[in-house]
PDB file of N, CA and C in Angstrom:
ATOM      1  N   MET A   1     -11.772   0.267 -71.706  1.00  0.00           N
ATOM      2  CA  MET A   1     -12.473  -0.067 -70.806  1.00  0.00           C
ATOM      3  C   MET A   1     -11.896  -0.823 -70.104  1.00  0.00           C
ATOM      4  N   LYS A   2     -11.591  -1.918 -71.126  1.00  0.00           N
ATOM      5  CA  LYS A   2     -11.099  -3.317 -70.242  1.00  0.00           C
ATOM      6  C   LYS A   2      -9.988  -2.595 -68.760  1.00  0.00           C
ATOM      7  N   TYR A   3      -9.054  -1.685 -69.145  1.00  0.00           N
ATOM      8  CA  TYR A   3      -8.379  -1.322 -68.187  1.00  0.00           C
ATOM      9  C   TYR A   3      -8.995  -0.949 -67.156  1.00  0.00           C
ATOM     10  N   PHE A   4      -9.681   0.266 -67.234  1.00  0.00           N
ATOM     11  CA  PHE A   4     -10.869   0.763 -66.258  1.00  0.00           C
ATOM     12  C   PHE A   4     -11.825  -0.037 -65.477  1.00  0.00           C
ATOM     13  N   LYS A   5     -12.078  -1.436 -66.238  1.00  0.00           N
ATOM     14  CA  LYS A   5     -12.650  -2.380 -65.611  1.00  0.00           C
ATOM     15  C   LYS A   5     -11.800  -3.200 -64.430  1.00  0.00           C
ATOM     16  N   GLY A   6     -10.652  -3.351 -64.998  1.00  0.00           N
ATOM     17  CA  GLY A   6      -9.797  -3.971 -64.305  1.00  0.00           C
ATOM     18  C   GLY A   6      -9.102  -3.391 -62.775  1.00  0.00           C
ATOM     19  N   ILE A   7      -9.186  -1.731 -62.785  1.00  0.00           N
ATOM     20  CA  ILE A   7      -8.670  -1.292 -61.959  1.00  0.00           C
ATOM     21  C   ILE A   7      -9.868  -0.867 -60.666  1.00  0.00           C
ATOM     22  N   ILE A   8     -11.280  -1.285 -61.441  1.00  0.00           N
ATOM     23  CA  ILE A   8     -12.287  -1.051 -60.190  1.00  0.00           C
ATOM     24  C   ILE A   8     -12.634  -2.621 -59.756  1.00  0.00           C
ATOM     25  N   GLY A   9     -12.156  -3.742 -60.670  1.00  0.00           N
ATOM     26  CA  GLY A   9     -12.105  -4.465 -60.071  1.00  0.00           C
ATOM     27  C   GLY A   9     -13.694  -5.419 -60.405  1.00  0.00           C
ATOM     28  N   VAL A  10     -14.450  -5.169 -62.064  1.00  0.00           N
ATOM     29  CA  VAL A  10     -15.682  -5.379 -62.252  1.00  0.00           C
ATOM     30  C   VAL A  10     -15.013  -6.132 -63.536  1.00  0.00           C
ATOM     31  N   THR A  11     -15.826  -7.669 -63.629  1.00  0.00           N
ATOM     32  CA  THR A  11     -15.773  -8.468 -64.590  1.00  0.00           C
ATOM     33  C   THR A  11     -16.953  -8.282 -65.653  1.00  0.00           C
ATOM     34  N   LYS A  12     -16.858  -9.117 -66.581  1.00  0.00           N
ATOM     35  CA  LYS A  12     -17.712  -9.084 -67.693  1.00  0.00           C
ATOM     36  C   LYS A  12     -19.456  -9.804 -66.987  1.00  0.00           C
ATOM     37  N   ARG A  13     -19.108 -10.526 -66.098  1.00  0.00           N
ATOM     38  CA  ARG A  13     -20.346 -11.141 -65.430  1.00  0.00           C
ATOM     39  C   ARG A  13     -21.116  -9.966 -64.618  1.00  0.00           C
ATOM     40  N   ASP A  14     -20.485  -8.967 -64.286  1.00  0.00           N
ATOM     41  CA  ASP A  14     -21.358  -7.499 -63.287  1.00  0.00           C
ATOM     42  C   ASP A  14     -21.972  -7.035 -64.332  1.00  0.00           C
ATOM     43  N   ARG A  15     -22.169  -7.317 -65.552  1.00  0.00           N
ATOM     44  CA  ARG A  15     -22.576  -6.515 -66.762  1.00  0.00           C
ATOM     45  C   ARG A  15     -22.773  -4.894 -66.438  1.00  0.00           C
ATOM     46  N   ALA A  16     -21.616  -4.495 -65.921  1.00  0.00           N
ATOM     47  CA  ALA A  16     -21.449  -2.903 -65.640  1.00  0.00           C
ATOM     48  C   ALA A  16     -21.588  -2.112 -66.989  1.00  0.00           C
ATOM     49  N   ARG A  17     -22.253  -0.945 -67.181  1.00  0.00           N
ATOM     50  CA  ARG A  17     -22.560  -0.041 -68.227  1.00  0.00           C
ATOM     51  C   ARG A  17     -21.221   0.650 -68.062  1.00  0.00           C
ATOM     52  N   ASN A  18     -20.883   0.698 -69.192  1.00  0.00           N
ATOM     53  CA  ASN A  18     -19.502   1.802 -69.544  1.00  0.00           C
ATOM     54  C   ASN A  18     -19.533   3.169 -68.992  1.00  0.00           C
ATOM     55  N   GLU A  19     -21.218   3.681 -68.885  1.00  0.00           N
ATOM     56  CA  GLU A  19     -20.693   5.282 -68.397  1.00  0.00           C
ATOM     57  C   GLU A  19     -20.749   4.828 -66.891  1.00  0.00           C
ATOM     58  N   GLN A  20     -21.351   3.987 -66.250  1.00  0.00           N
ATOM     59  CA  GLN A  20     -21.103   3.728 -64.952  1.00  0.00           C
ATOM     60  C   GLN A  20     -19.514   3.655 -64.394  1.00  0.00           C
ATOM     61  N   ILE A  21     -18.975   2.966 -65.045  1.00  0.00           N
ATOM     62  CA  ILE A  21     -17.548   2.992 -65.076  1.00  0.00           C
ATOM     63  C   ILE A  21     -16.806   4.033 -65.439  1.00  0.00           C
ATOM     64  N   ARG A  22     -17.395   4.650 -66.131  1.00  0.00           N
ATOM     65  CA  ARG A  22     -16.579   6.414 -66.864  1.00  0.00           C
ATOM     66  C   ARG A  22     -16.766   6.758 -65.196  1.00  0.00           C
ATOM     67  N   THR A  23     -17.827   7.396 -64.584  1.00  0.00           N
ATOM     68  CA  THR A  23     -18.440   8.044 -63.692  1.00  0.00           C
ATOM     69  C   THR A  23     -17.558   7.353 -62.339  1.00  0.00           C
ATOM     70  N   THR A  24     -17.538   6.449 -62.436  1.00  0.00           N
ATOM     71  CA  THR A  24     -16.659   5.630 -61.078  1.00  0.00           C
ATOM     72  C   THR A  24     -15.093   6.149 -61.174  1.00  0.00           C
ATOM     73  N   VAL A  25     -14.289   5.987 -62.236  1.00  0.00           N
ATOM     74  CA  VAL A  25     -13.061   6.079 -62.348  1.00  0.00           C
ATOM     75  C   VAL A  25     -12.976   7.620 -62.686  1.00  0.00           C
ATOM     76  N   LYS A  26     -14.031   8.661 -62.757  1.00  0.00           N
ATOM     77  CA  LYS A  26     -13.810  10.226 -63.163  1.00  0.00           C
ATOM     78  C   LYS A  26     -13.233  10.588 -64.397  1.00  0.00           C
ATOM     79  N   VAL A  27     -13.243   9.501 -65.837  1.00  0.00           N
ATOM     80  CA  VAL A  27     -12.941   9.864 -66.816  1.00  0.00           C
ATOM     81  C   VAL A  27     -13.991  10.157 -67.776  1.00  0.00           C
ATOM     82  N   GLU A  28     -13.308  11.319 -68.741  1.00  0.00           N
ATOM     83  CA  GLU A  28     -14.492  11.481 -69.760  1.00  0.00           C
ATOM     84  C   GLU A  28     -14.275  10.266 -70.982  1.00  0.00           C
ATOM     85  N   SER A  29     -15.440  10.169 -71.968  1.00  0.00           N
ATOM     86  CA  SER A  29     -15.517   9.477 -72.795  1.00  0.00           C
ATOM     87  C   SER A  29     -14.642  10.055 -74.374  1.00  0.00           C
ATOM     88  N   ILE A  30     -13.971   8.889 -74.677  1.00  0.00           N
ATOM     89  CA  ILE A  30     -12.813   9.039 -75.634  1.00  0.00           C
ATOM     90  C   ILE A  30     -13.530  10.089 -76.876  1.00  0.00           C
ATOM     91  N   LYS A  31     -15.118   9.642 -77.220  1.00  0.00           N
ATOM     92  CA  LYS A  31     -15.550  10.780 -78.384  1.00  0.00           C
ATOM     93  C   LYS A  31     -15.752  11.987 -77.748  1.00  0.00           C
ATOM     94  N   ASN A  32     -16.225  12.475 -76.510  1.00  0.00           N
ATOM     95  CA  ASN A  32     -16.247  13.806 -75.803  1.00  0.00           C
ATOM     96  C   ASN A  32     -15.305  14.321 -76.204  1.00  0.00           C
ATOM     97  N   THR A  33     -13.956  13.463 -75.922  1.00  0.00           N
ATOM     98  CA  THR A  33     -12.617  14.306 -76.072  1.00  0.00           C
ATOM     99  C   THR A  33     -12.089  14.830 -77.368  1.00  0.00           C
ATOM    100  N   ILE A  34     -12.666  13.561 -78.182  1.00  0.00           N
ATOM    101  CA  ILE A  34     -12.406  14.073 -79.534  1.00  0.00           C
ATOM    102  C   ILE A  34     -13.075  15.168 -80.153  1.00  0.00           C
ATOM    103  N   GLU A  35     -14.028  15.430 -79.704  1.00  0.00           N
ATOM    104  CA  GLU A  35     -15.273  16.618 -79.789  1.00  0.00           C
ATOM    105  C   GLU A  35     -14.688  17.901 -79.339  1.00  0.00           C
ATOM    106  N   ARG A  36     -14.299  17.518 -78.039  1.00  0.00           N
ATOM    107  CA  ARG A  36     -13.685  18.896 -77.645  1.00  0.00           C
ATOM    108  C   ARG A  36     -12.266  19.540 -78.590  1.00  0.00           C
ATOM    109  N   GLN A  37     -11.540  18.347 -78.995  1.00  0.00           N
ATOM    110  CA  GLN A  37     -10.261  18.716 -79.625  1.00  0.00           C
ATOM    111  C   GLN A  37     -10.515  19.699 -80.832  1.00  0.00           C
ATOM    112  N   GLN A  38     -11.674  18.839 -81.755  1.00  0.00           N
ATOM    113  CA  GLN A  38     -11.879  19.204 -82.852  1.00  0.00           C
ATOM    114  C   GLN A  38     -12.612  20.583 -82.922  1.00  0.00           C
ATOM    115  N   LEU A  39     -13.115  21.046 -81.843  1.00  0.00           N
ATOM    116  CA  LEU A  39     -13.689  22.216 -81.469  1.00  0.00           C
ATOM    117  C   LEU A  39     -12.645  23.575 -81.254  1.00  0.00           C
ATOM    118  N   ARG A  40     -11.733  23.286 -80.301  1.00  0.00           N
ATOM    119  CA  ARG A  40     -10.643  23.819 -79.746  1.00  0.00           C
ATOM    120  C   ARG A  40      -9.961  23.913 -81.577  1.00  0.00           C
ATOM    121  N   TRP A  41      -9.654  22.887 -82.263  1.00  0.00           N
ATOM    122  CA  TRP A  41      -9.063  23.476 -83.675  1.00  0.00           C
ATOM    123  C   TRP A  41      -9.714  24.342 -84.538  1.00  0.00           C
ATOM    124  N   PHE A  42     -11.330  24.260 -84.734  1.00  0.00           N
ATOM    125  CA  PHE A  42     -12.030  24.642 -85.110  1.00  0.00           C
ATOM    126  C   PHE A  42     -12.003  26.721 -84.750  1.00  0.00           C
ATOM    127  N   GLY A  43     -11.812  26.665 -83.340  1.00  0.00           N
ATOM    128  CA  GLY A  43     -11.530  28.218 -83.037  1.00  0.00           C
ATOM    129  C   GLY A  43     -10.249  28.495 -83.255  1.00  0.00           C
ATOM    130  N   HIS A  44      -9.616  27.810 -83.173  1.00  0.00           N
ATOM    131  CA  HIS A  44      -7.944  28.172 -83.979  1.00  0.00           C
ATOM    132  C   HIS A  44      -8.067  28.418 -85.283  1.00  0.00           C
ATOM    133  N   LEU A  45      -8.623  27.839 -86.017  1.00  0.00           N
ATOM    134  CA  LEU A  45      -8.723  28.040 -87.437  1.00  0.00           C
ATOM    135  C   LEU A  45      -9.376  29.419 -87.811  1.00  0.00           C
ATOM    136  N   ASN A  46     -10.463  29.859 -87.068  1.00  0.00           N
ATOM    137  CA  ASN A  46     -11.574  30.946 -86.974  1.00  0.00           C
ATOM    138  C   ASN A  46     -10.308  31.859 -86.535  1.00  0.00           C
ATOM    139  N   ARG A  47      -9.718  31.878 -85.558  1.00  0.00           N
ATOM    140  CA  ARG A  47      -8.874  32.791 -85.028  1.00  0.00           C
ATOM    141  C   ARG A  47      -7.761  33.253 -86.194  1.00  0.00           C
ATOM    142  N   MET A  48      -7.033  32.447 -87.155  1.00  0.00           N
ATOM    143  CA  MET A  48      -5.880  32.429 -87.802  1.00  0.00           C
ATOM    144  C   MET A  48      -6.168  33.637 -88.952  1.00  0.00           C
ATOM    145  N   GLY A  49      -5.272  33.832 -89.321  1.00  0.00           N
ATOM    146  CA  GLY A  49      -5.150  35.544 -89.936  1.00  0.00           C
ATOM    147  C   GLY A  49      -5.510  34.461 -91.710  1.00  0.00           C
ATOM    148  N   ASN A  50      -6.327  35.466 -92.250  1.00  0.00           N
ATOM    149  CA  ASN A  50      -6.516  35.084 -93.575  1.00  0.00           C
ATOM    150  C   ASN A  50      -5.699  34.843 -94.540  1.00  0.00           C
ATOM    151  N   ASN A  51      -4.475  35.229 -94.656  1.00  0.00           N
ATOM    152  CA  ASN A  51      -3.502  34.944 -95.180  1.00  0.00           C
ATOM    153  C   ASN A  51      -2.624  33.633 -94.905  1.00  0.00           C
ATOM    154  N   ARG A  52      -2.938  32.571 -93.399  1.00  0.00           N
ATOM    155  CA  ARG A  52      -2.181  31.580 -93.221  1.00  0.00           C
ATOM    156  C   ARG A  52      -2.597  30.532 -94.376  1.00  0.00           C
ATOM    157  N   GLN A  53      -1.786  29.888 -94.569  1.00  0.00           N
ATOM    158  CA  GLN A  53      -2.073  28.526 -95.650  1.00  0.00           C
ATOM    159  C   GLN A  53      -3.122  28.014 -95.215  1.00  0.00           C
ATOM    160  N   THR A  54      -2.847  27.312 -93.977  1.00  0.00           N
ATOM    161  CA  THR A  54      -3.948  26.546 -93.420  1.00  0.00           C
ATOM    162  C   THR A  54      -5.507  26.548 -93.569  1.00  0.00           C
ATOM    163  N   LYS A  55      -5.654  27.869 -93.263  1.00  0.00           N
ATOM    164  CA  LYS A  55      -7.042  28.713 -93.302  1.00  0.00           C
ATOM    165  C   LYS A  55      -7.453  28.854 -94.854  1.00  0.00           C
ATOM    166  N   VAL A  56      -6.235  29.108 -95.781  1.00  0.00           N
ATOM    167  CA  VAL A  56      -6.840  29.260 -97.148  1.00  0.00           C
ATOM    168  C   VAL A  56      -7.416  28.084 -97.453  1.00  0.00           C
ATOM    169  N   ILE A  57      -6.267  26.753 -97.210  1.00  0.00           N
ATOM    170  CA  ILE A  57      -7.001  25.432 -97.570  1.00  0.00           C
ATOM    171  C   ILE A  57      -8.139  25.043 -97.079  1.00  0.00           C
ATOM    172  N   TRP A  58      -8.425  25.597 -95.828  1.00  0.00           N
ATOM    173  CA  TRP A  58      -9.507  24.706 -95.039  1.00  0.00           C
ATOM    174  C   TRP A  58     -10.725  25.826 -95.764  1.00  0.00           C
ATOM    175  N   GLU A  59     -10.605  26.656 -96.550  1.00  0.00           N
ATOM    176  CA  GLU A  59     -11.789  27.367 -96.687  1.00  0.00           C
ATOM    177  C   GLU A  59     -12.077  27.437 -98.136  1.00  0.00           C
ATOM    178  N   THR A  60     -11.113  26.605 -99.207  1.00  0.00           N
ATOM    179  CA  THR A  60     -11.387  26.364-100.225  1.00  0.00           C
ATOM    180  C   THR A  60     -12.159  25.073-100.252  1.00  0.00           C
ATOM    181  N   ARG A  61     -12.922  25.079-102.036  1.00  0.00           N
ATOM    182  CA  ARG A  61     -13.706  24.035-102.054  1.00  0.00           C
ATOM    183  C   ARG A  61     -13.070  23.099-103.422  1.00  0.00           C
ATOM    184  N   SER A  62     -13.219  21.908-103.065  1.00  0.00           N
ATOM    185  CA  SER A  62     -12.791  20.984-104.119  1.00  0.00           C
ATOM    186  C   SER A  62     -13.661  20.731-104.845  1.00  0.00           C
ATOM    187  N   SER A  63     -12.973  20.811-106.394  1.00  0.00           N
ATOM    188  CA  SER A  63     -13.830  20.513-107.341  1.00  0.00           C
ATOM    189  C   SER A  63     -13.809  19.311-108.115  1.00  0.00           C
ATOM    190  N   MET A  64     -13.517  18.261-107.527  1.00  0.00           N
ATOM    191  CA  MET A  64     -13.372  17.132-108.151  1.00  0.00           C
ATOM    192  C   MET A  64     -14.892  16.464-107.334  1.00  0.00           C
ATOM    193  N   LYS A  65     -15.126  15.054-108.469  1.00  0.00           N
ATOM    194  CA  LYS A  65     -16.280  14.687-108.145  1.00  0.00           C
ATOM    195  C   LYS A  65     -16.246  13.575-107.406  1.00  0.00           C
ATOM    196  N   ARG A  66     -17.140  13.503-106.452  1.00  0.00           N
ATOM    197  CA  ARG A  66     -16.831  12.569-105.294  1.00  0.00           C
ATOM    198  C   ARG A  66     -17.095  11.167-105.891  1.00  0.00           C
ATOM    199  N   PRO A  67     -16.866   9.969-105.122  1.00  0.00           N
ATOM    200  CA  PRO A  67     -16.807   8.741-105.788  1.00  0.00           C
ATOM    201  C   PRO A  67     -18.383   8.486-105.595  1.00  0.00           C
ATOM    202  N   ARG A  68     -18.615   7.061-105.877  1.00  0.00           N
ATOM    203  CA  ARG A  68     -19.948   6.625-105.926  1.00  0.00           C
ATOM    204  C   ARG A  68     -20.136   6.206-104.767  1.00  0.00           C
ATOM    205  N   GLY A  69     -21.018   5.975-103.486  1.00  0.00           N
ATOM    206  CA  GLY A  69     -21.677   5.020-102.819  1.00  0.00           C
ATOM    207  C   GLY A  69     -21.812   6.426-101.717  1.00  0.00           C
ATOM    208  N   ARG A  70     -21.982   5.849-100.167  1.00  0.00           N
ATOM    209  CA  ARG A  70     -22.202   6.939 -99.279  1.00  0.00           C
ATOM    210  C   ARG A  70     -21.142   7.947 -99.093  1.00  0.00           C
ATOM    211  N   PRO A  71     -21.262   9.067 -99.166  1.00  0.00           N
ATOM    212  CA  PRO A  71     -20.536  10.134 -98.931  1.00  0.00           C
ATOM    213  C   PRO A  71     -19.667  10.162 -97.559  1.00  0.00           C
ATOM    214  N   LYS A  72     -18.330  10.015 -97.580  1.00  0.00           N
ATOM    215  CA  LYS A  72     -17.761  10.444 -96.463  1.00  0.00           C
ATOM    216  C   LYS A  72     -17.938  11.748 -95.530  1.00  0.00           C
ATOM    217  N   LYS A  73     -18.090  11.703 -94.345  1.00  0.00           N
ATOM    218  CA  LYS A  73     -18.166  12.951 -93.753  1.00  0.00           C
ATOM    219  C   LYS A  73     -17.144  13.924 -94.079  1.00  0.00           C
ATOM    220  N   ARG A  74     -17.302  15.241 -94.161  1.00  0.00           N
ATOM    221  CA  ARG A  74     -16.150  15.788 -94.193  1.00  0.00           C
ATOM    222  C   ARG A  74     -16.230  16.406 -92.940  1.00  0.00           C
ATOM    223  N   TRP A  75     -15.009  17.358 -92.645  1.00  0.00           N
ATOM    224  CA  TRP A  75     -14.689  18.010 -91.731  1.00  0.00           C
ATOM    225  C   TRP A  75     -15.584  18.894 -90.991  1.00  0.00           C
ATOM    226  N   ASP A  76     -16.273  19.736 -92.130  1.00  0.00           N
ATOM    227  CA  ASP A  76     -16.937  20.899 -91.662  1.00  0.00           C
ATOM    228  C   ASP A  76     -18.270  20.334 -91.083  1.00  0.00           C
ATOM    229  N   GLU A  77     -18.745  19.079 -91.923  1.00  0.00           N
ATOM    230  CA  GLU A  77     -20.056  18.313 -91.488  1.00  0.00           C
ATOM    231  C   GLU A  77     -19.978  17.864 -90.200  1.00  0.00           C
ATOM    232  N   GLU A  78     -18.652  17.325 -89.833  1.00  0.00           N
ATOM    233  CA  GLU A  78     -18.427  16.801 -88.243  1.00  0.00           C
ATOM    234  C   GLU A  78     -18.649  18.062 -87.354  1.00  0.00           C
ATOM    235  N   ILE A  79     -17.993  19.203 -87.567  1.00  0.00           N
ATOM    236  CA  ILE A  79     -18.102  20.500 -86.689  1.00  0.00           C
ATOM    237  C   ILE A  79     -19.814  20.978 -86.720  1.00  0.00           C
ATOM    238  N   ALA A  80     -20.220  20.877 -87.914  1.00  0.00           N
ATOM    239  CA  ALA A  80     -21.746  21.212 -87.918  1.00  0.00           C
ATOM    240  C   ALA A  80     -22.152  20.415 -86.885  1.00  0.00           C
ATOM    241  N   GLU A  81     -22.271  19.136 -87.470  1.00  0.00           N
ATOM    242  CA  GLU A  81     -23.126  18.060 -86.058  1.00  0.00           C
ATOM    243  C   GLU A  81     -22.933  18.092 -84.652  1.00  0.00           C
ATOM    244  N   ILE A  82     -21.426  18.428 -84.567  1.00  0.00           N
ATOM    245  CA  ILE A  82     -21.210  18.818 -83.003  1.00  0.00           C
ATOM    246  C   ILE A  82     -21.927  19.913 -82.145  1.00  0.00           C
ATOM    247  N   LEU A  83     -21.815  21.175 -83.211  1.00  0.00           N
ATOM    248  CA  LEU A  83     -22.511  22.376 -83.198  1.00  0.00           C
ATOM    249  C   LEU A  83     -23.634  22.170 -82.776  1.00  0.00           C
ATOM    250  N   LYS A  84     -24.425  21.559 -83.572  1.00  0.00           N
ATOM    251  CA  LYS A  84     -25.763  21.044 -83.637  1.00  0.00           C
ATOM    252  C   LYS A  84     -26.284  20.527 -82.151  1.00  0.00           C
ATOM    253  N   LYS A  85     -25.469  19.476 -81.801  1.00  0.00           N
ATOM    254  CA  LYS A  85     -25.203  18.814 -80.586  1.00  0.00           C
ATOM    255  C   LYS A  85     -25.423  19.781 -79.346  1.00  0.00           C
ATOM    256  N   TYR A  86     -25.208  21.041 -79.235  1.00  0.00           N
ATOM    257  CA  TYR A  86     -24.710  22.204 -78.373  1.00  0.00           C
ATOM    258  C   TYR A  86     -25.547  23.332 -78.851  1.00  0.00           C
ATOM    259  N   ASN A  87     -26.850  23.219 -79.815  1.00  0.00           N
ATOM    260  CA  ASN A  87     -27.816  24.243 -80.198  1.00  0.00           C
ATOM    261  C   ASN A  87     -26.933  25.249 -80.759  1.00  0.00           C
ATOM    262  N   LYS A  88     -26.174  25.288 -81.481  1.00  0.00           N
ATOM    263  CA  LYS A  88     -25.461  26.434 -81.993  1.00  0.00           C
ATOM    264  C   LYS A  88     -25.489  26.127 -83.447  1.00  0.00           C
ATOM    265  N   SER A  89     -25.590  27.364 -84.088  1.00  0.00           N
ATOM    266  CA  SER A  89     -25.461  27.288 -85.644  1.00  0.00           C
ATOM    267  C   SER A  89     -24.312  27.561 -86.097  1.00  0.00           C
ATOM    268  N   TRP A  90     -24.116  27.184 -87.491  1.00  0.00           N
ATOM    269  CA  TRP A  90     -22.417  27.578 -87.958  1.00  0.00           C
ATOM    270  C   TRP A  90     -21.815  28.551 -87.575  1.00  0.00           C
ATOM    271  N   GLN A  91     -22.953  30.025 -87.969  1.00  0.00           N
ATOM    272  CA  GLN A  91     -22.134  31.500 -87.870  1.00  0.00           C
ATOM    273  C   GLN A  91     -21.791  31.736 -86.136  1.00  0.00           C
ATOM    274  N   ASP A  92     -22.846  31.384 -85.352  1.00  0.00           N
ATOM    275  CA  ASP A  92     -22.459  31.601 -83.990  1.00  0.00           C
ATOM    276  C   ASP A  92     -20.918  31.318 -83.704  1.00  0.00           C
ATOM    277  N   PRO A  93     -20.210  29.982 -83.523  1.00  0.00           N
ATOM    278  CA  PRO A  93     -19.353  30.136 -83.191  1.00  0.00           C
ATOM    279  C   PRO A  93     -17.809  30.472 -83.782  1.00  0.00           C
ATOM    280  N   LYS A  94     -18.340  31.209 -85.254  1.00  0.00           N
ATOM    281  CA  LYS A  94     -17.113  32.028 -86.005  1.00  0.00           C
ATOM    282  C   LYS A  94     -17.234  33.432 -85.028  1.00  0.00           C
ATOM    283  N   THR A  95     -18.156  33.723 -84.475  1.00  0.00           N
ATOM    284  CA  THR A  95     -17.797  35.211 -83.503  1.00  0.00           C
ATOM    285  C   THR A  95     -17.668  34.770 -82.248  1.00  0.00           C
ATOM    286  N   LEU A  96     -18.061  33.830 -81.687  1.00  0.00           N
ATOM    287  CA  LEU A  96     -17.689  33.447 -80.778  1.00  0.00           C
ATOM    288  C   LEU A  96     -16.074  33.382 -80.249  1.00  0.00           C
ATOM    289  N   THR A  97     -15.559  32.584 -81.166  1.00  0.00           N
ATOM    290  CA  THR A  97     -14.076  32.090 -81.030  1.00  0.00           C
ATOM    291  C   THR A  97     -13.096  33.089 -81.499  1.00  0.00           C
ATOM    292  N   GLN A  98     -13.698  34.350 -81.999  1.00  0.00           N
ATOM    293  CA  GLN A  98     -12.640  35.767 -81.905  1.00  0.00           C
ATOM    294  C   GLN A  98     -11.983  35.917 -80.585  1.00  0.00           C
ATOM    295  N   ASP A  99     -12.800  35.742 -79.466  1.00  0.00           N
ATOM    296  CA  ASP A  99     -12.673  35.861 -78.088  1.00  0.00           C
ATOM    297  C   ASP A  99     -12.047  34.596 -77.715  1.00  0.00           C
ATOM    298  N   LYS A 100     -10.776  34.474 -77.552  1.00  0.00           N
ATOM    299  CA  LYS A 100     -10.247  32.903 -77.011  1.00  0.00           C
ATOM    300  C   LYS A 100     -10.704  32.570 -75.862  1.00  0.00           C
ATOM    301  N   LYS A 101     -10.719  33.510 -74.863  1.00  0.00           N
ATOM    302  CA  LYS A 101     -11.212  33.044 -73.659  1.00  0.00           C
ATOM    303  C   LYS A 101     -12.698  32.626 -73.265  1.00  0.00           C
ATOM    304  N   GLU A 102     -13.403  33.246 -74.250  1.00  0.00           N
ATOM    305  CA  GLU A 102     -14.991  32.911 -74.379  1.00  0.00           C
ATOM    306  C   GLU A 102     -14.773  31.497 -75.013  1.00  0.00           C
TER     307      GLU A 102
END
């Protein structure tokens, strides 16, 4: 954001919001970019053949006990949260991703 503020000449004294700066410079937020890439990979995984090593590893569940404390988010949970933001359930995109253009 510091770089973009420098481009348009905004200082900290102007107290401009990051959203305003992003719309001015026409740049997507990093969080949205990461979510889009994660959804692309999710679609790629769903289209993979069932015998591919990557898909086999993704679909297996670990039997290890998780450490104490707050559990770290798993990749599946992160994708489920992104899908929830778009009002989709876990099963809807699994069928949608079979058609890459869609």
